[in-house]
Each structure stands twice: as C-alpha cells, then as structure tokens.
C-alpha cells in the first residue's frame, strides 16, 4: 500500500507529518489521510510527497 510505504519512508528519514507536509507543500491532514490509505490519489500531490522524501514510485505488473 502506497500510504504505508510513505509513512515508513517518512519515519526512516526522521520526519514528522508536519515536516514532510511542509516540505511537500501539502496539508498535514491530507498527508495523514494518504498514510492511512483514505484519500483518492492525486498524482500531483503524491509525486510532491515522493519528491520531498527523495523517493520514486515503482509500478509492479503483478
């Protein structure tokens, strides 16, 4: 799940939700919802979060 992976990466980098949200220019509440897997994925916002984490998205064909 994407949200769980974002949360793991955020924690590994020692960032709070507030810090990552500010770095990615998204709201903390939206980020919290993403980490819980609740919002409809907005590709632009997800990419901003991944960029802020210096991470990339891998697509698996399974």
Protein backbone atom coordinates (compact mmCIF):
# COMPACT_ATOMS: atom_id res chain seq x y z
CA UNK A 1 0.00 0.00 0.00
CA UNK A 2 1.36 3.38 -1.02
CA UNK A 3 0.29 5.19 2.15
CA UNK A 4 2.00 2.69 4.40
CA UNK A 5 5.18 2.96 2.35
CA UNK A 6 5.08 6.77 2.59
CA UNK A 7 4.71 6.53 6.37
CA UNK A 8 7.63 4.10 6.60
CA UNK A 9 9.89 6.29 4.46
CA UNK A 10 8.90 9.37 6.46
CA UNK A 11 9.74 7.66 9.74
CA UNK A 12 13.03 6.28 8.37
CA UNK A 13 14.02 9.83 7.46
CA UNK A 14 13.13 11.09 10.93
CA UNK A 15 10.38 13.42 9.70
CA UNK A 16 7.09 14.23 11.37
CA UNK A 17 3.94 14.50 9.30
CA UNK A 18 4.11 18.28 9.78
CA UNK A 19 7.69 18.43 8.48
CA UNK A 20 7.02 16.27 5.44
CA UNK A 21 3.79 18.09 4.62
CA UNK A 22 5.61 21.44 4.72
CA UNK A 23 8.44 20.08 2.57
CA UNK A 24 5.98 18.65 0.02
CA UNK A 25 3.65 21.71 0.14
CA UNK A 26 0.61 19.62 1.09
CA UNK A 27 -1.59 19.82 4.18
CA UNK A 28 -0.72 17.66 7.15
CA UNK A 29 -4.27 16.34 7.23
CA UNK A 30 -4.06 15.26 3.57
CA UNK A 31 -0.75 13.52 4.27
CA UNK A 32 -2.25 11.74 7.29
CA UNK A 33 -5.14 10.53 5.13
CA UNK A 34 -2.70 9.36 2.44
CA UNK A 35 -0.74 7.38 5.02
CA UNK A 36 -3.99 5.74 6.14
CA UNK A 37 -4.91 4.93 2.52
CA UNK A 38 -8.05 7.05 2.61
CA UNK A 39 -7.91 9.82 0.01
CA UNK A 40 -8.44 9.45 -3.68
CA UNK A 41 -4.92 9.53 -5.06
CA UNK A 42 -3.99 12.87 -6.54
CA UNK A 43 -0.97 12.05 -8.66
CA UNK A 44 0.48 15.57 -8.45
CA UNK A 45 0.31 15.61 -4.64
CA UNK A 46 1.62 12.05 -4.30
CA UNK A 47 4.55 12.94 -6.55
CA UNK A 48 5.26 16.04 -4.42
CA UNK A 49 5.39 13.86 -1.30
CA UNK A 50 7.67 11.32 -3.00
CA UNK A 51 9.94 14.11 -4.24
CA UNK A 52 10.13 15.51 -0.70
CA UNK A 53 11.17 12.05 0.51
CA UNK A 54 13.67 11.74 -2.34
CA UNK A 55 11.84 8.56 -3.32
CA UNK A 56 10.32 7.22 -6.51
CA UNK A 57 7.27 5.20 -7.43
CA UNK A 58 7.71 1.70 -8.80
CA UNK A 59 4.85 0.08 -10.68
CA UNK A 60 4.57 -3.69 -10.43
CA UNK A 61 2.69 -5.58 -13.16
CA UNK A 62 1.53 -8.35 -10.78
